[in-house]
PDB file of N, CA and C in Angstrom:
ATOM      1  N   VAL A   1      -1.161 -29.201  34.654  1.00  0.00           N
ATOM      2  CA  VAL A   1      -1.235 -27.754  34.748  1.00  0.00           C
ATOM      3  C   VAL A   1      -2.057 -27.237  33.585  1.00  0.00           C
ATOM      4  N   SER A   2      -2.848 -26.231  33.863  1.00  0.00           N
ATOM      5  CA  SER A   2      -3.628 -25.537  32.849  1.00  0.00           C
ATOM      6  C   SER A   2      -3.258 -24.064  32.930  1.00  0.00           C
ATOM      7  N   ALA A   3      -3.165 -23.398  31.786  1.00  0.00           N
ATOM      8  CA  ALA A   3      -2.903 -21.958  31.758  1.00  0.00           C
ATOM      9  C   ALA A   3      -3.734 -21.350  30.640  1.00  0.00           C
ATOM     10  N   GLN A   4      -4.343 -20.206  30.937  1.00  0.00           N
ATOM     11  CA  GLN A   4      -5.207 -19.542  29.965  1.00  0.00           C
ATOM     12  C   GLN A   4      -5.033 -18.035  30.037  1.00  0.00           C
ATOM     13  N   VAL A   5      -5.381 -17.379  28.934  1.00  0.00           N
ATOM     14  CA  VAL A   5      -5.546 -15.932  28.879  1.00  0.00           C
ATOM     15  C   VAL A   5      -7.031 -15.726  28.615  1.00  0.00           C
ATOM     16  N   ARG A   6      -7.714 -14.974  29.505  1.00  0.00           N
ATOM     17  CA  ARG A   6      -9.161 -14.849  29.352  1.00  0.00           C
ATOM     18  C   ARG A   6      -9.685 -13.543  29.927  1.00  0.00           C
ATOM     19  N   ASN A   7     -10.927 -13.243  29.546  1.00  0.00           N
ATOM     20  CA  ASN A   7     -11.659 -12.113  30.106  1.00  0.00           C
ATOM     21  C   ASN A   7     -13.116 -12.540  30.261  1.00  0.00           C
ATOM     22  N   ASP A   8     -14.009 -11.591  30.534  1.00  0.00           N
ATOM     23  CA  ASP A   8     -15.415 -11.935  30.747  1.00  0.00           C
ATOM     24  C   ASP A   8     -16.064 -12.545  29.510  1.00  0.00           C
ATOM     25  N   ALA A   9     -15.524 -12.262  28.324  1.00  0.00           N
ATOM     26  CA  ALA A   9     -16.083 -12.796  27.076  1.00  0.00           C
ATOM     27  C   ALA A   9     -15.653 -14.236  26.812  1.00  0.00           C
ATOM     28  N   GLY A  10     -14.634 -14.723  27.517  1.00  0.00           N
ATOM     29  CA  GLY A  10     -14.212 -16.103  27.321  1.00  0.00           C
ATOM     30  C   GLY A  10     -12.711 -16.290  27.332  1.00  0.00           C
ATOM     31  N   VAL A  11     -12.298 -17.463  26.874  1.00  0.00           N
ATOM     32  CA  VAL A  11     -10.885 -17.844  26.829  1.00  0.00           C
ATOM     33  C   VAL A  11     -10.322 -17.465  25.466  1.00  0.00           C
ATOM     34  N   TRP A  12      -9.211 -16.730  25.456  1.00  0.00           N
ATOM     35  CA  TRP A  12      -8.585 -16.262  24.216  1.00  0.00           C
ATOM     36  C   TRP A  12      -7.239 -16.918  23.963  1.00  0.00           C
ATOM     37  N   GLY A  13      -6.713 -17.631  24.930  1.00  0.00           N
ATOM     38  CA  GLY A  13      -5.437 -18.322  24.763  1.00  0.00           C
ATOM     39  C   GLY A  13      -5.359 -19.517  25.691  1.00  0.00           C
ATOM     40  N   GLU A  14      -4.692 -20.578  25.219  1.00  0.00           N
ATOM     41  CA  GLU A  14      -4.522 -21.810  25.997  1.00  0.00           C
ATOM     42  C   GLU A  14      -3.054 -22.214  25.996  1.00  0.00           C
ATOM     43  N   MET A  15      -2.647 -22.903  27.043  1.00  0.00           N
ATOM     44  CA  MET A  15      -1.281 -23.400  27.158  1.00  0.00           C
ATOM     45  C   MET A  15      -0.997 -24.437  26.071  1.00  0.00           C
ATOM     46  N   LEU A  16       0.178 -24.326  25.473  1.00  0.00           N
ATOM     47  CA  LEU A  16       0.647 -25.333  24.528  1.00  0.00           C
ATOM     48  C   LEU A  16       1.507 -26.333  25.293  1.00  0.00           C
ATOM     49  N   PRO A  17       1.252 -27.624  25.105  1.00  0.00           N
ATOM     50  CA  PRO A  17       2.075 -28.614  25.814  1.00  0.00           C
ATOM     51  C   PRO A  17       3.523 -28.581  25.339  1.00  0.00           C
ATOM     52  N   ARG A  18       4.438 -28.821  26.250  1.00  0.00           N
ATOM     53  CA  ARG A  18       5.869 -28.859  25.959  1.00  0.00           C
ATOM     54  C   ARG A  18       6.402 -30.229  26.330  1.00  0.00           C
ATOM     55  N   ALA A  19       6.958 -30.916  25.362  1.00  0.00           N
ATOM     56  CA  ALA A  19       7.528 -32.239  25.642  1.00  0.00           C
ATOM     57  C   ALA A  19       8.670 -32.117  26.645  1.00  0.00           C
ATOM     58  N   ASN A  20       8.724 -33.041  27.580  1.00  0.00           N
ATOM     59  CA  ASN A  20       9.793 -33.103  28.574  1.00  0.00           C
ATOM     60  C   ASN A  20       9.874 -31.843  29.435  1.00  0.00           C
ATOM     61  N   GLY A  21       8.714 -31.263  29.760  1.00  0.00           N
ATOM     62  CA  GLY A  21       8.677 -30.076  30.599  1.00  0.00           C
ATOM     63  C   GLY A  21       9.022 -30.391  32.048  1.00  0.00           C
ATOM     64  N   ALA A  22       9.161 -29.346  32.846  1.00  0.00           N
ATOM     65  CA  ALA A  22       9.566 -29.500  34.248  1.00  0.00           C
ATOM     66  C   ALA A  22       8.617 -30.405  35.024  1.00  0.00           C
ATOM     67  N   LEU A  23       7.313 -30.282  34.775  1.00  0.00           N
ATOM     68  CA  LEU A  23       6.365 -31.084  35.547  1.00  0.00           C
ATOM     69  C   LEU A  23       6.339 -32.540  35.113  1.00  0.00           C
ATOM     70  N   GLU A  24       6.791 -32.825  33.902  1.00  0.00           N
ATOM     71  CA  GLU A  24       6.934 -34.222  33.475  1.00  0.00           C
ATOM     72  C   GLU A  24       8.193 -34.839  34.088  1.00  0.00           C
ATOM     73  N   ARG A  25       9.260 -34.055  34.143  1.00  0.00           N
ATOM     74  CA  ARG A  25      10.518 -34.558  34.710  1.00  0.00           C
ATOM     75  C   ARG A  25      10.479 -34.624  36.228  1.00  0.00           C
ATOM     76  N   PHE A  26       9.775 -33.676  36.843  1.00  0.00           N
ATOM     77  CA  PHE A  26       9.674 -33.593  38.305  1.00  0.00           C
ATOM     78  C   PHE A  26       8.202 -33.470  38.700  1.00  0.00           C
ATOM     79  N   PRO A  27       7.430 -34.566  38.650  1.00  0.00           N
ATOM     80  CA  PRO A  27       6.003 -34.477  38.981  1.00  0.00           C
ATOM     81  C   PRO A  27       5.794 -34.005  40.419  1.00  0.00           C
ATOM     82  N   PRO A  28       4.735 -33.222  40.648  1.00  0.00           N
ATOM     83  CA  PRO A  28       4.490 -32.690  41.991  1.00  0.00           C
ATOM     84  C   PRO A  28       4.476 -33.755  43.083  1.00  0.00           C
ATOM     85  N   SER A  29       4.074 -34.971  42.758  1.00  0.00           N
ATOM     86  CA  SER A  29       4.046 -36.028  43.776  1.00  0.00           C
ATOM     87  C   SER A  29       5.441 -36.372  44.305  1.00  0.00           C
ATOM     88  N   SER A  30       6.492 -35.961  43.581  1.00  0.00           N
ATOM     89  CA  SER A  30       7.862 -36.257  44.021  1.00  0.00           C
ATOM     90  C   SER A  30       8.518 -35.082  44.749  1.00  0.00           C
ATOM     91  N   TRP A  31       7.830 -33.950  44.873  1.00  0.00           N
ATOM     92  CA  TRP A  31       8.423 -32.771  45.498  1.00  0.00           C
ATOM     93  C   TRP A  31       8.440 -32.895  47.016  1.00  0.00           C
ATOM     94  N   PRO A  32       9.565 -32.546  47.639  1.00  0.00           N
ATOM     95  CA  PRO A  32       9.565 -32.416  49.098  1.00  0.00           C
ATOM     96  C   PRO A  32       8.732 -31.183  49.481  1.00  0.00           C
ATOM     97  N   ALA A  33       8.170 -31.205  50.666  1.00  0.00           N
ATOM     98  CA  ALA A  33       7.381 -30.063  51.143  1.00  0.00           C
ATOM     99  C   ALA A  33       8.211 -28.788  51.086  1.00  0.00           C
ATOM    100  N   GLY A  34       7.622 -27.714  50.584  1.00  0.00           N
ATOM    101  CA  GLY A  34       8.280 -26.416  50.531  1.00  0.00           C
ATOM    102  C   GLY A  34       9.173 -26.183  49.334  1.00  0.00           C
ATOM    103  N   GLN A  35       9.335 -27.164  48.455  1.00  0.00           N
ATOM    104  CA  GLN A  35      10.202 -27.004  47.289  1.00  0.00           C
ATOM    105  C   GLN A  35       9.483 -26.207  46.200  1.00  0.00           C
ATOM    106  N   PHE A  36      10.224 -25.322  45.524  1.00  0.00           N
ATOM    107  CA  PHE A  36       9.696 -24.570  44.397  1.00  0.00           C
ATOM    108  C   PHE A  36      10.245 -25.160  43.112  1.00  0.00           C
ATOM    109  N   VAL A  37       9.402 -25.251  42.093  1.00  0.00           N
ATOM    110  CA  VAL A  37       9.820 -25.723  40.774  1.00  0.00           C
ATOM    111  C   VAL A  37       9.383 -24.687  39.755  1.00  0.00           C
ATOM    112  N   ARG A  38      10.319 -24.220  38.954  1.00  0.00           N
ATOM    113  CA  ARG A  38      10.001 -23.254  37.899  1.00  0.00           C
ATOM    114  C   ARG A  38       9.533 -24.025  36.669  1.00  0.00           C
ATOM    115  N   ASN A  39       8.409 -23.591  36.118  1.00  0.00           N
ATOM    116  CA  ASN A  39       7.846 -24.232  34.935  1.00  0.00           C
ATOM    117  C   ASN A  39       7.462 -23.144  33.938  1.00  0.00           C
ATOM    118  N   GLU A  40       8.195 -23.046  32.842  1.00  0.00           N
ATOM    119  CA  GLU A  40       7.888 -22.050  31.823  1.00  0.00           C
ATOM    120  C   GLU A  40       6.803 -22.585  30.902  1.00  0.00           C
ATOM    121  N   LEU A  41       5.858 -21.716  30.548  1.00  0.00           N
ATOM    122  CA  LEU A  41       4.718 -22.108  29.730  1.00  0.00           C
ATOM    123  C   LEU A  41       4.649 -21.271  28.463  1.00  0.00           C
ATOM    124  N   ASP A  42       4.126 -21.875  27.412  1.00  0.00           N
ATOM    125  CA  ASP A  42       3.803 -21.153  26.184  1.00  0.00           C
ATOM    126  C   ASP A  42       2.285 -21.111  26.081  1.00  0.00           C
ATOM    127  N   ILE A  43       1.733 -19.929  25.819  1.00  0.00           N
ATOM    128  CA  ILE A  43       0.291 -19.794  25.633  1.00  0.00           C
ATOM    129  C   ILE A  43       0.044 -19.317  24.211  1.00  0.00           C
ATOM    130  N   ASN A  44      -0.765 -20.072  23.481  1.00  0.00           N
ATOM    131  CA  ASN A  44      -1.124 -19.738  22.110  1.00  0.00           C
ATOM    132  C   ASN A  44      -2.322 -18.796  22.151  1.00  0.00           C
ATOM    133  N   LEU A  45      -2.117 -17.540  21.763  1.00  0.00           N
ATOM    134  CA  LEU A  45      -3.168 -16.530  21.787  1.00  0.00           C
ATOM    135  C   LEU A  45      -3.899 -16.515  20.452  1.00  0.00           C
ATOM    136  N   ASN A  46      -5.217 -16.544  20.494  1.00  0.00           N
ATOM    137  CA  ASN A  46      -6.036 -16.482  19.287  1.00  0.00           C
ATOM    138  C   ASN A  46      -5.702 -15.199  18.520  1.00  0.00           C
ATOM    139  N   PRO A  47      -5.387 -15.287  17.216  1.00  0.00           N
ATOM    140  CA  PRO A  47      -5.051 -14.083  16.451  1.00  0.00           C
ATOM    141  C   PRO A  47      -6.222 -13.111  16.315  1.00  0.00           C
ATOM    142  N   GLN A  48      -7.433 -13.547  16.615  1.00  0.00           N
ATOM    143  CA  GLN A  48      -8.613 -12.676  16.555  1.00  0.00           C
ATOM    144  C   GLN A  48      -8.921 -12.013  17.901  1.00  0.00           C
ATOM    145  N   THR A  49      -8.019 -12.138  18.858  1.00  0.00           N
ATOM    146  CA  THR A  49      -8.232 -11.540  20.174  1.00  0.00           C
ATOM    147  C   THR A  49      -8.322 -10.025  20.050  1.00  0.00           C
ATOM    148  N   PRO A  50      -9.435  -9.426  20.497  1.00  0.00           N
ATOM    149  CA  PRO A  50      -9.548  -7.968  20.422  1.00  0.00           C
ATOM    150  C   PRO A  50      -8.609  -7.278  21.417  1.00  0.00           C
ATOM    151  N   ALA A  51      -8.254  -6.040  21.113  1.00  0.00           N
ATOM    152  CA  ALA A  51      -7.418  -5.258  22.025  1.00  0.00           C
ATOM    153  C   ALA A  51      -8.127  -5.152  23.372  1.00  0.00           C
ATOM    154  N   GLY A  52      -7.348  -5.176  24.435  1.00  0.00           N
ATOM    155  CA  GLY A  52      -7.912  -5.052  25.771  1.00  0.00           C
ATOM    156  C   GLY A  52      -7.046  -5.720  26.813  1.00  0.00           C
ATOM    157  N   GLU A  53      -7.572  -5.763  28.026  1.00  0.00           N
ATOM    158  CA  GLU A  53      -6.862  -6.334  29.164  1.00  0.00           C
ATOM    159  C   GLU A  53      -7.396  -7.738  29.436  1.00  0.00           C
ATOM    160  N   TYR A  54      -6.477  -8.669  29.701  1.00  0.00           N
ATOM    161  CA  TYR A  54      -6.834 -10.070  29.890  1.00  0.00           C
ATOM    162  C   TYR A  54      -6.119 -10.638  31.107  1.00  0.00           C
ATOM    163  N   ALA A  55      -6.825 -11.478  31.844  1.00  0.00           N
ATOM    164  CA  ALA A  55      -6.232 -12.162  32.990  1.00  0.00           C
ATOM    165  C   ALA A  55      -5.441 -13.366  32.504  1.00  0.00           C
ATOM    166  N   VAL A  56      -4.296 -13.606  33.137  1.00  0.00           N
ATOM    167  CA  VAL A  56      -3.531 -14.834  32.927  1.00  0.00           C
ATOM    168  C   VAL A  56      -3.817 -15.704  34.144  1.00  0.00           C
ATOM    169  N   VAL A  57      -4.373 -16.901  33.892  1.00  0.00           N
ATOM    170  CA  VAL A  57      -4.748 -17.782  34.993  1.00  0.00           C
ATOM    171  C   VAL A  57      -4.070 -19.134  34.836  1.00  0.00           C
ATOM    172  N   VAL A  58      -3.719 -19.733  35.955  1.00  0.00           N
ATOM    173  CA  VAL A  58      -3.140 -21.080  35.961  1.00  0.00           C
ATOM    174  C   VAL A  58      -3.955 -21.939  36.917  1.00  0.00           C
ATOM    175  N   GLY A  59      -3.906 -23.241  36.688  1.00  0.00           N
ATOM    176  CA  GLY A  59      -4.643 -24.147  37.551  1.00  0.00           C
ATOM    177  C   GLY A  59      -4.016 -25.523  37.564  1.00  0.00           C
ATOM    178  N   ALA A  60      -4.261 -26.235  38.642  1.00  0.00           N
ATOM    179  CA  ALA A  60      -3.807 -27.620  38.753  1.00  0.00           C
ATOM    180  C   ALA A  60      -4.859 -28.524  38.129  1.00  0.00           C
ATOM    181  N   VAL A  61      -4.396 -29.566  37.442  1.00  0.00           N
ATOM    182  CA  VAL A  61      -5.298 -30.517  36.795  1.00  0.00           C
ATOM    183  C   VAL A  61      -5.274 -31.827  37.577  1.00  0.00           C
ATOM    184  N   ASP A  62      -6.449 -32.356  37.857  1.00  0.00           N
ATOM    185  CA  ASP A  62      -6.572 -33.674  38.481  1.00  0.00           C
ATOM    186  C   ASP A  62      -6.302 -34.704  37.396  1.00  0.00           C
ATOM    187  N   ALA A  63      -5.132 -35.329  37.430  1.00  0.00           N
ATOM    188  CA  ALA A  63      -4.721 -36.250  36.366  1.00  0.00           C
ATOM    189  C   ALA A  63      -5.651 -37.451  36.256  1.00  0.00           C
ATOM    190  N   SER A  64      -6.206 -37.905  37.363  1.00  0.00           N
ATOM    191  CA  SER A  64      -7.075 -39.085  37.305  1.00  0.00           C
ATOM    192  C   SER A  64      -8.423 -38.771  36.674  1.00  0.00           C
ATOM    193  N   ALA A  65      -8.931 -37.555  36.874  1.00  0.00           N
ATOM    194  CA  ALA A  65     -10.237 -37.176  36.330  1.00  0.00           C
ATOM    195  C   ALA A  65     -10.113 -36.321  35.074  1.00  0.00           C
ATOM    196  N   GLY A  66      -8.938 -35.698  34.879  1.00  0.00           N
ATOM    197  CA  GLY A  66      -8.705 -34.887  33.692  1.00  0.00           C
ATOM    198  C   GLY A  66      -9.362 -33.524  33.697  1.00  0.00           C
ATOM    199  N   HIS A  67      -9.729 -33.008  34.867  1.00  0.00           N
ATOM    200  CA  HIS A  67     -10.324 -31.673  34.908  1.00  0.00           C
ATOM    201  C   HIS A  67      -9.511 -30.744  35.812  1.00  0.00           C
ATOM    202  N   VAL A  68      -9.670 -29.439  35.562  1.00  0.00           N
ATOM    203  CA  VAL A  68      -8.945 -28.427  36.328  1.00  0.00           C
ATOM    204  C   VAL A  68      -9.608 -28.283  37.693  1.00  0.00           C
ATOM    205  N   LEU A  69      -8.790 -28.324  38.742  1.00  0.00           N
ATOM    206  CA  LEU A  69      -9.314 -28.212  40.103  1.00  0.00           C
ATOM    207  C   LEU A  69      -9.741 -26.786  40.414  1.00  0.00           C
ATOM    208  N   GLU A  70      -8.898 -25.818  40.105  1.00  0.00           N
ATOM    209  CA  GLU A  70      -9.205 -24.413  40.366  1.00  0.00           C
ATOM    210  C   GLU A  70      -8.197 -23.550  39.625  1.00  0.00           C
ATOM    211  N   HIS A  71      -8.675 -22.456  39.029  1.00  0.00           N
ATOM    212  CA  HIS A  71      -7.778 -21.491  38.390  1.00  0.00           C
ATOM    213  C   HIS A  71      -7.471 -20.361  39.370  1.00  0.00           C
ATOM    214  N   VAL A  72      -6.247 -19.849  39.300  1.00  0.00           N
ATOM    215  CA  VAL A  72      -5.819 -18.715  40.110  1.00  0.00           C
ATOM    216  C   VAL A  72      -5.237 -17.678  39.168  1.00  0.00           C
ATOM    217  N   GLU A  73      -5.671 -16.422  39.306  1.00  0.00           N
ATOM    218  CA  GLU A  73      -5.121 -15.357  38.465  1.00  0.00           C
ATOM    219  C   GLU A  73      -3.709 -15.036  38.929  1.00  0.00           C
ATOM    220  N   CYS A  74      -2.770 -15.024  37.977  1.00  0.00           N
ATOM    221  CA  CYS A  74      -1.377 -14.752  38.348  1.00  0.00           C
ATOM    222  C   CYS A  74      -0.815 -13.530  37.630  1.00  0.00           C
ATOM    223  N   GLY A  75      -1.637 -12.851  36.857  1.00  0.00           N
ATOM    224  CA  GLY A  75      -1.161 -11.661  36.170  1.00  0.00           C
ATOM    225  C   GLY A  75      -2.186 -11.153  35.179  1.00  0.00           C
ATOM    226  N   VAL A  76      -1.830 -10.047  34.543  1.00  0.00           N
ATOM    227  CA  VAL A  76      -2.688  -9.409  33.547  1.00  0.00           C
ATOM    228  C   VAL A  76      -1.821  -9.032  32.361  1.00  0.00           C
ATOM    229  N   VAL A  77      -2.354  -9.222  31.153  1.00  0.00           N
ATOM    230  CA  VAL A  77      -1.656  -8.791  29.945  1.00  0.00           C
ATOM    231  C   VAL A  77      -2.542  -7.817  29.185  1.00  0.00           C
ATOM    232  N   GLN A  78      -1.903  -6.923  28.463  1.00  0.00           N
ATOM    233  CA  GLN A  78      -2.606  -5.949  27.630  1.00  0.00           C
ATOM    234  C   GLN A  78      -2.363  -6.316  26.176  1.00  0.00           C
ATOM    235  N   VAL A  79      -3.427  -6.565  25.422  1.00  0.00           N
ATOM    236  CA  VAL A  79      -3.329  -6.852  23.993  1.00  0.00           C
ATOM    237  C   VAL A  79      -3.625  -5.557  23.247  1.00  0.00           C
ATOM    238  N   THR A  80      -2.734  -5.204  22.316  1.00  0.00           N
ATOM    239  CA  THR A  80      -2.926  -3.986  21.520  1.00  0.00           C
ATOM    240  C   THR A  80      -3.081  -4.354  20.052  1.00  0.00           C
ATOM    241  N   ASP A  81      -3.595  -3.418  19.286  1.00  0.00           N
ATOM    242  CA  ASP A  81      -3.753  -3.645  17.836  1.00  0.00           C
ATOM    243  C   ASP A  81      -2.423  -3.654  17.137  1.00  0.00           C
TER     244      ASP A  81
END
């Protein structure tokens, strides 16, 4: 899984890995069809992030190739001074 906070200027925050997270304990390959798994994420926001509106995006990572397959916007955050 990949998670970012970003805007048109670039990426301002990245997901911090969590040891023994939900996806490590219950990898997607073991899920029955239709099952939902809650996975809480921590995103480290750059302290130099300017005030403004930012998209929160998540994506699945191809474990064999190590790259993100596709990001999907799942929300918006407002950064203030």
